[in-house]
Amino acid sequence: MKFFVVLFWSLILSEIAGFVIGKLNDTSFQPNLVAIIAVVFAVFIFVLDKIAIPKDPEAKTSK
């Protein structure tokens, strides 16, 4: 479920950023290219979360 939330917000925010950047550069807005970049970035963030960030060590109990 967390993956879908990251993907959804990545698409929304990337489309807005792509539109604004396209207008500032006076170029045409390409929603397909922006969506592809957003999906790749969301997958990268999700994989980075699973691989690169170590899990918290479990507390050891003393006897």
PDB file of N, CA and C in Angstrom:
ATOM      1  N   MET A   1       0.821  -1.186   0.000  1.00  0.00           N
ATOM      2  CA  MET A   1       0.000   0.000   0.000  1.00  0.00           C
ATOM      3  C   MET A   1       0.871   1.257   0.000  1.00  0.00           C
ATOM      4  N   LYS A   2       2.008   1.175   0.726  1.00  0.00           N
ATOM      5  CA  LYS A   2       2.895   2.327   0.780  1.00  0.00           C
ATOM      6  C   LYS A   2       3.445   2.655  -0.606  1.00  0.00           C
ATOM      7  N   PHE A   3       3.694   1.626  -1.402  1.00  0.00           N
ATOM      8  CA  PHE A   3       4.212   1.844  -2.757  1.00  0.00           C
ATOM      9  C   PHE A   3       3.217   2.624  -3.607  1.00  0.00           C
ATOM     10  N   PHE A   4       1.935   2.297  -3.511  1.00  0.00           N
ATOM     11  CA  PHE A   4       0.929   2.992  -4.313  1.00  0.00           C
ATOM     12  C   PHE A   4       0.771   4.450  -3.894  1.00  0.00           C
ATOM     13  N   VAL A   5       0.912   4.728  -2.623  1.00  0.00           N
ATOM     14  CA  VAL A   5       0.830   6.111  -2.142  1.00  0.00           C
ATOM     15  C   VAL A   5       2.016   6.910  -2.665  1.00  0.00           C
ATOM     16  N   VAL A   6       3.213   6.319  -2.598  1.00  0.00           N
ATOM     17  CA  VAL A   6       4.401   6.999  -3.129  1.00  0.00           C
ATOM     18  C   VAL A   6       4.266   7.219  -4.623  1.00  0.00           C
ATOM     19  N   LEU A   7       3.771   6.230  -5.336  1.00  0.00           N
ATOM     20  CA  LEU A   7       3.591   6.354  -6.785  1.00  0.00           C
ATOM     21  C   LEU A   7       2.565   7.421  -7.128  1.00  0.00           C
ATOM     22  N   PHE A   8       1.455   7.443  -6.410  1.00  0.00           N
ATOM     23  CA  PHE A   8       0.399   8.426  -6.660  1.00  0.00           C
ATOM     24  C   PHE A   8       0.921   9.852  -6.459  1.00  0.00           C
ATOM     25  N   TRP A   9       1.538  10.114  -5.319  1.00  0.00           N
ATOM     26  CA  TRP A   9       2.012  11.466  -5.044  1.00  0.00           C
ATOM     27  C   TRP A   9       3.188  11.844  -5.942  1.00  0.00           C
ATOM     28  N   SER A  10       3.990  10.876  -6.315  1.00  0.00           N
ATOM     29  CA  SER A  10       5.069  11.156  -7.249  1.00  0.00           C
ATOM     30  C   SER A  10       4.523  11.606  -8.599  1.00  0.00           C
ATOM     31  N   LEU A  11       3.470  10.936  -9.067  1.00  0.00           N
ATOM     32  CA  LEU A  11       2.854  11.336 -10.339  1.00  0.00           C
ATOM     33  C   LEU A  11       2.234  12.728 -10.248  1.00  0.00           C
ATOM     34  N   ILE A  12       1.489  12.982  -9.191  1.00  0.00           N
ATOM     35  CA  ILE A  12       0.819  14.282  -9.044  1.00  0.00           C
ATOM     36  C   ILE A  12       1.834  15.415  -8.971  1.00  0.00           C
ATOM     37  N   LEU A  13       2.802  15.287  -8.071  1.00  0.00           N
ATOM     38  CA  LEU A  13       3.776  16.374  -7.882  1.00  0.00           C
ATOM     39  C   LEU A  13       4.685  16.543  -9.094  1.00  0.00           C
ATOM     40  N   SER A  14       5.017  15.455  -9.775  1.00  0.00           N
ATOM     41  CA  SER A  14       5.863  15.564 -10.963  1.00  0.00           C
ATOM     42  C   SER A  14       5.124  16.233 -12.122  1.00  0.00           C
ATOM     43  N   GLU A  15       3.848  15.935 -12.267  1.00  0.00           N
ATOM     44  CA  GLU A  15       3.082  16.591 -13.330  1.00  0.00           C
ATOM     45  C   GLU A  15       2.997  18.097 -13.093  1.00  0.00           C
ATOM     46  N   ILE A  16       2.794  18.492 -11.849  1.00  0.00           N
ATOM     47  CA  ILE A  16       2.739  19.924 -11.525  1.00  0.00           C
ATOM     48  C   ILE A  16       4.098  20.576 -11.776  1.00  0.00           C
ATOM     49  N   ALA A  17       5.168  19.920 -11.298  1.00  0.00           N
ATOM     50  CA  ALA A  17       6.512  20.471 -11.505  1.00  0.00           C
ATOM     51  C   ALA A  17       6.871  20.524 -12.985  1.00  0.00           C
ATOM     52  N   GLY A  18       6.515  19.502 -13.739  1.00  0.00           N
ATOM     53  CA  GLY A  18       6.795  19.501 -15.176  1.00  0.00           C
ATOM     54  C   GLY A  18       6.059  20.601 -15.911  1.00  0.00           C
ATOM     55  N   PHE A  19       4.834  20.858 -15.508  1.00  0.00           N
ATOM     56  CA  PHE A  19       4.059  21.934 -16.124  1.00  0.00           C
ATOM     57  C   PHE A  19       4.688  23.296 -15.834  1.00  0.00           C
ATOM     58  N   VAL A  20       5.036  23.517 -14.585  1.00  0.00           N
ATOM     59  CA  VAL A  20       5.619  24.809 -14.201  1.00  0.00           C
ATOM     60  C   VAL A  20       6.974  25.006 -14.875  1.00  0.00           C
ATOM     61  N   ILE A  21       7.807  23.980 -14.868  1.00  0.00           N
ATOM     62  CA  ILE A  21       9.121  24.094 -15.500  1.00  0.00           C
ATOM     63  C   ILE A  21       8.985  24.301 -17.007  1.00  0.00           C
ATOM     64  N   GLY A  22       8.024  23.619 -17.625  1.00  0.00           N
ATOM     65  CA  GLY A  22       7.785  23.820 -19.057  1.00  0.00           C
ATOM     66  C   GLY A  22       7.359  25.242 -19.373  1.00  0.00           C
ATOM     67  N   LYS A  23       6.519  25.824 -18.530  1.00  0.00           N
ATOM     68  CA  LYS A  23       6.087  27.213 -18.758  1.00  0.00           C
ATOM     69  C   LYS A  23       7.228  28.197 -18.518  1.00  0.00           C
ATOM     70  N   LEU A  24       8.046  27.941 -17.504  1.00  0.00           N
ATOM     71  CA  LEU A  24       9.165  28.845 -17.236  1.00  0.00           C
ATOM     72  C   LEU A  24      10.201  28.809 -18.352  1.00  0.00           C
ATOM     73  N   ASN A  25      10.390  27.657 -18.977  1.00  0.00           N
ATOM     74  CA  ASN A  25      11.345  27.538 -20.076  1.00  0.00           C
ATOM     75  C   ASN A  25      10.724  27.839 -21.428  1.00  0.00           C
ATOM     76  N   ASP A  26       9.445  28.122 -21.442  1.00  0.00           N
ATOM     77  CA  ASP A  26       8.703  28.412 -22.671  1.00  0.00           C
ATOM     78  C   ASP A  26       8.811  27.253 -23.671  1.00  0.00           C
ATOM     79  N   THR A  27       8.610  26.034 -23.149  1.00  0.00           N
ATOM     80  CA  THR A  27       8.607  24.835 -23.983  1.00  0.00           C
ATOM     81  C   THR A  27       7.262  24.139 -23.837  1.00  0.00           C
ATOM     82  N   SER A  28       7.048  23.146 -24.673  1.00  0.00           N
ATOM     83  CA  SER A  28       5.779  22.419 -24.605  1.00  0.00           C
ATOM     84  C   SER A  28       5.796  21.446 -23.432  1.00  0.00           C
ATOM     85  N   PHE A  29       4.630  21.226 -22.863  1.00  0.00           N
ATOM     86  CA  PHE A  29       4.465  20.312 -21.739  1.00  0.00           C
ATOM     87  C   PHE A  29       4.265  18.905 -22.283  1.00  0.00           C
ATOM     88  N   GLN A  30       5.082  17.950 -21.832  1.00  0.00           N
ATOM     89  CA  GLN A  30       4.998  16.567 -22.283  1.00  0.00           C
ATOM     90  C   GLN A  30       4.620  15.685 -21.091  1.00  0.00           C
ATOM     91  N   PRO A  31       3.330  15.445 -20.886  1.00  0.00           N
ATOM     92  CA  PRO A  31       2.908  14.688 -19.704  1.00  0.00           C
ATOM     93  C   PRO A  31       3.384  13.235 -19.703  1.00  0.00           C
ATOM     94  N   ASN A  32       3.538  12.634 -20.874  1.00  0.00           N
ATOM     95  CA  ASN A  32       4.005  11.243 -20.920  1.00  0.00           C
ATOM     96  C   ASN A  32       5.438  11.119 -20.412  1.00  0.00           C
ATOM     97  N   LEU A  33       6.301  12.010 -20.828  1.00  0.00           N
ATOM     98  CA  LEU A  33       7.685  11.990 -20.384  1.00  0.00           C
ATOM     99  C   LEU A  33       7.776  12.253 -18.886  1.00  0.00           C
ATOM    100  N   VAL A  34       6.993  13.192 -18.401  1.00  0.00           N
ATOM    101  CA  VAL A  34       6.986  13.500 -16.967  1.00  0.00           C
ATOM    102  C   VAL A  34       6.479  12.307 -16.166  1.00  0.00           C
ATOM    103  N   ALA A  35       5.468  11.608 -16.656  1.00  0.00           N
ATOM    104  CA  ALA A  35       4.939  10.443 -15.953  1.00  0.00           C
ATOM    105  C   ALA A  35       5.962   9.310 -15.903  1.00  0.00           C
ATOM    106  N   ILE A  36       6.691   9.104 -16.984  1.00  0.00           N
ATOM    107  CA  ILE A  36       7.719   8.063 -17.005  1.00  0.00           C
ATOM    108  C   ILE A  36       8.819   8.381 -15.995  1.00  0.00           C
ATOM    109  N   ILE A  37       9.248   9.621 -15.966  1.00  0.00           N
ATOM    110  CA  ILE A  37      10.274  10.032 -15.011  1.00  0.00           C
ATOM    111  C   ILE A  37       9.762   9.874 -13.584  1.00  0.00           C
ATOM    112  N   ALA A  38       8.512  10.206 -13.338  1.00  0.00           N
ATOM    113  CA  ALA A  38       7.933  10.084 -11.997  1.00  0.00           C
ATOM    114  C   ALA A  38       7.867   8.631 -11.547  1.00  0.00           C
ATOM    115  N   VAL A  39       7.480   7.735 -12.432  1.00  0.00           N
ATOM    116  CA  VAL A  39       7.394   6.316 -12.075  1.00  0.00           C
ATOM    117  C   VAL A  39       8.786   5.756 -11.784  1.00  0.00           C
ATOM    118  N   VAL A  40       9.756   6.096 -12.610  1.00  0.00           N
ATOM    119  CA  VAL A  40      11.130   5.621 -12.383  1.00  0.00           C
ATOM    120  C   VAL A  40      11.649   6.148 -11.050  1.00  0.00           C
ATOM    121  N   PHE A  41      11.396   7.406 -10.760  1.00  0.00           N
ATOM    122  CA  PHE A  41      11.849   7.991  -9.502  1.00  0.00           C
ATOM    123  C   PHE A  41      11.156   7.341  -8.304  1.00  0.00           C
ATOM    124  N   ALA A  42       9.864   7.061  -8.401  1.00  0.00           N
ATOM    125  CA  ALA A  42       9.132   6.430  -7.304  1.00  0.00           C
ATOM    126  C   ALA A  42       9.642   5.013  -7.051  1.00  0.00           C
ATOM    127  N   VAL A  43       9.916   4.268  -8.109  1.00  0.00           N
ATOM    128  CA  VAL A  43      10.456   2.912  -7.951  1.00  0.00           C
ATOM    129  C   VAL A  43      11.846   2.983  -7.322  1.00  0.00           C
ATOM    130  N   PHE A  44      12.647   3.936  -7.743  1.00  0.00           N
ATOM    131  CA  PHE A  44      13.980   4.117  -7.175  1.00  0.00           C
ATOM    132  C   PHE A  44      13.909   4.421  -5.675  1.00  0.00           C
ATOM    133  N   ILE A  45      13.017   5.307  -5.277  1.00  0.00           N
ATOM    134  CA  ILE A  45      12.863   5.644  -3.861  1.00  0.00           C
ATOM    135  C   ILE A  45      12.379   4.438  -3.071  1.00  0.00           C
ATOM    136  N   PHE A  46      11.443   3.676  -3.625  1.00  0.00           N
ATOM    137  CA  PHE A  46      10.932   2.502  -2.931  1.00  0.00           C
ATOM    138  C   PHE A  46      12.026   1.446  -2.758  1.00  0.00           C
ATOM    139  N   VAL A  47      12.815   1.208  -3.793  1.00  0.00           N
ATOM    140  CA  VAL A  47      13.905   0.233  -3.716  1.00  0.00           C
ATOM    141  C   VAL A  47      14.979   0.725  -2.747  1.00  0.00           C
ATOM    142  N   LEU A  48      15.282   2.009  -2.783  1.00  0.00           N
ATOM    143  CA  LEU A  48      16.258   2.579  -1.868  1.00  0.00           C
ATOM    144  C   LEU A  48      15.811   2.417  -0.421  1.00  0.00           C
ATOM    145  N   ASP A  49      14.541   2.562  -0.169  1.00  0.00           N
ATOM    146  CA  ASP A  49      13.999   2.384   1.172  1.00  0.00           C
ATOM    147  C   ASP A  49      14.162   0.947   1.648  1.00  0.00           C
ATOM    148  N   LYS A  50      13.970  -0.005   0.753  1.00  0.00           N
ATOM    149  CA  LYS A  50      14.065  -1.414   1.125  1.00  0.00           C
ATOM    150  C   LYS A  50      15.503  -1.905   1.269  1.00  0.00           C
ATOM    151  N   ILE A  51      16.434  -1.349   0.500  1.00  0.00           N
ATOM    152  CA  ILE A  51      17.795  -1.866   0.460  1.00  0.00           C
ATOM    153  C   ILE A  51      18.772  -1.045   1.308  1.00  0.00           C
ATOM    154  N   ALA A  52      18.796   0.241   1.124  1.00  0.00           N
ATOM    155  CA  ALA A  52      19.868   1.064   1.670  1.00  0.00           C
ATOM    156  C   ALA A  52      19.671   1.473   3.123  1.00  0.00           C
ATOM    157  N   ILE A  53      18.463   1.582   3.576  1.00  0.00           N
ATOM    158  CA  ILE A  53      18.225   2.052   4.936  1.00  0.00           C
ATOM    159  C   ILE A  53      18.171   0.848   5.869  1.00  0.00           C
ATOM    160  N   PRO A  54      19.102   0.786   6.827  1.00  0.00           N
ATOM    161  CA  PRO A  54      19.109  -0.373   7.719  1.00  0.00           C
ATOM    162  C   PRO A  54      17.918  -0.356   8.673  1.00  0.00           C
ATOM    163  N   LYS A  55      17.463  -1.535   9.016  1.00  0.00           N
ATOM    164  CA  LYS A  55      16.361  -1.665   9.963  1.00  0.00           C
ATOM    165  C   LYS A  55      16.878  -1.411  11.372  1.00  0.00           C
ATOM    166  N   ASP A  56      15.994  -0.989  12.251  1.00  0.00           N
ATOM    167  CA  ASP A  56      16.369  -0.778  13.644  1.00  0.00           C
ATOM    168  C   ASP A  56      16.698  -2.123  14.290  1.00  0.00           C
ATOM    169  N   PRO A  57      17.795  -2.176  15.007  1.00  0.00           N
ATOM    170  CA  PRO A  57      18.117  -3.449  15.666  1.00  0.00           C
ATOM    171  C   PRO A  57      17.117  -3.727  16.789  1.00  0.00           C
ATOM    172  N   GLU A  58      16.828  -4.991  16.947  1.00  0.00           N
ATOM    173  CA  GLU A  58      15.893  -5.358  18.009  1.00  0.00           C
ATOM    174  C   GLU A  58      16.600  -5.297  19.351  1.00  0.00           C
ATOM    175  N   ALA A  59      15.862  -4.907  20.357  1.00  0.00           N
ATOM    176  CA  ALA A  59      16.429  -4.818  21.693  1.00  0.00           C
ATOM    177  C   ALA A  59      16.702  -6.218  22.235  1.00  0.00           C
ATOM    178  N   LYS A  60      17.845  -6.383  22.830  1.00  0.00           N
ATOM    179  CA  LYS A  60      18.205  -7.678  23.415  1.00  0.00           C
ATOM    180  C   LYS A  60      17.802  -7.666  24.878  1.00  0.00           C
ATOM    181  N   THR A  61      17.226  -8.742  25.282  1.00  0.00           N
ATOM    182  CA  THR A  61      16.800  -8.843  26.679  1.00  0.00           C
ATOM    183  C   THR A  61      17.880  -9.560  27.491  1.00  0.00           C
ATOM    184  N   SER A  62      18.120  -9.088  28.685  1.00  0.00           N
ATOM    185  CA  SER A  62      19.082  -9.744  29.562  1.00  0.00           C
ATOM    186  C   SER A  62      18.362 -10.704  30.487  1.00  0.00           C
ATOM    187  N   LYS A  63      19.022 -11.761  30.804  1.00  0.00           N
ATOM    188  CA  LYS A  63      18.408 -12.785  31.669  1.00  0.00           C
ATOM    189  C   LYS A  63      18.802 -12.628  33.098  1.00  0.00           C
TER     190      LYS A  63
END
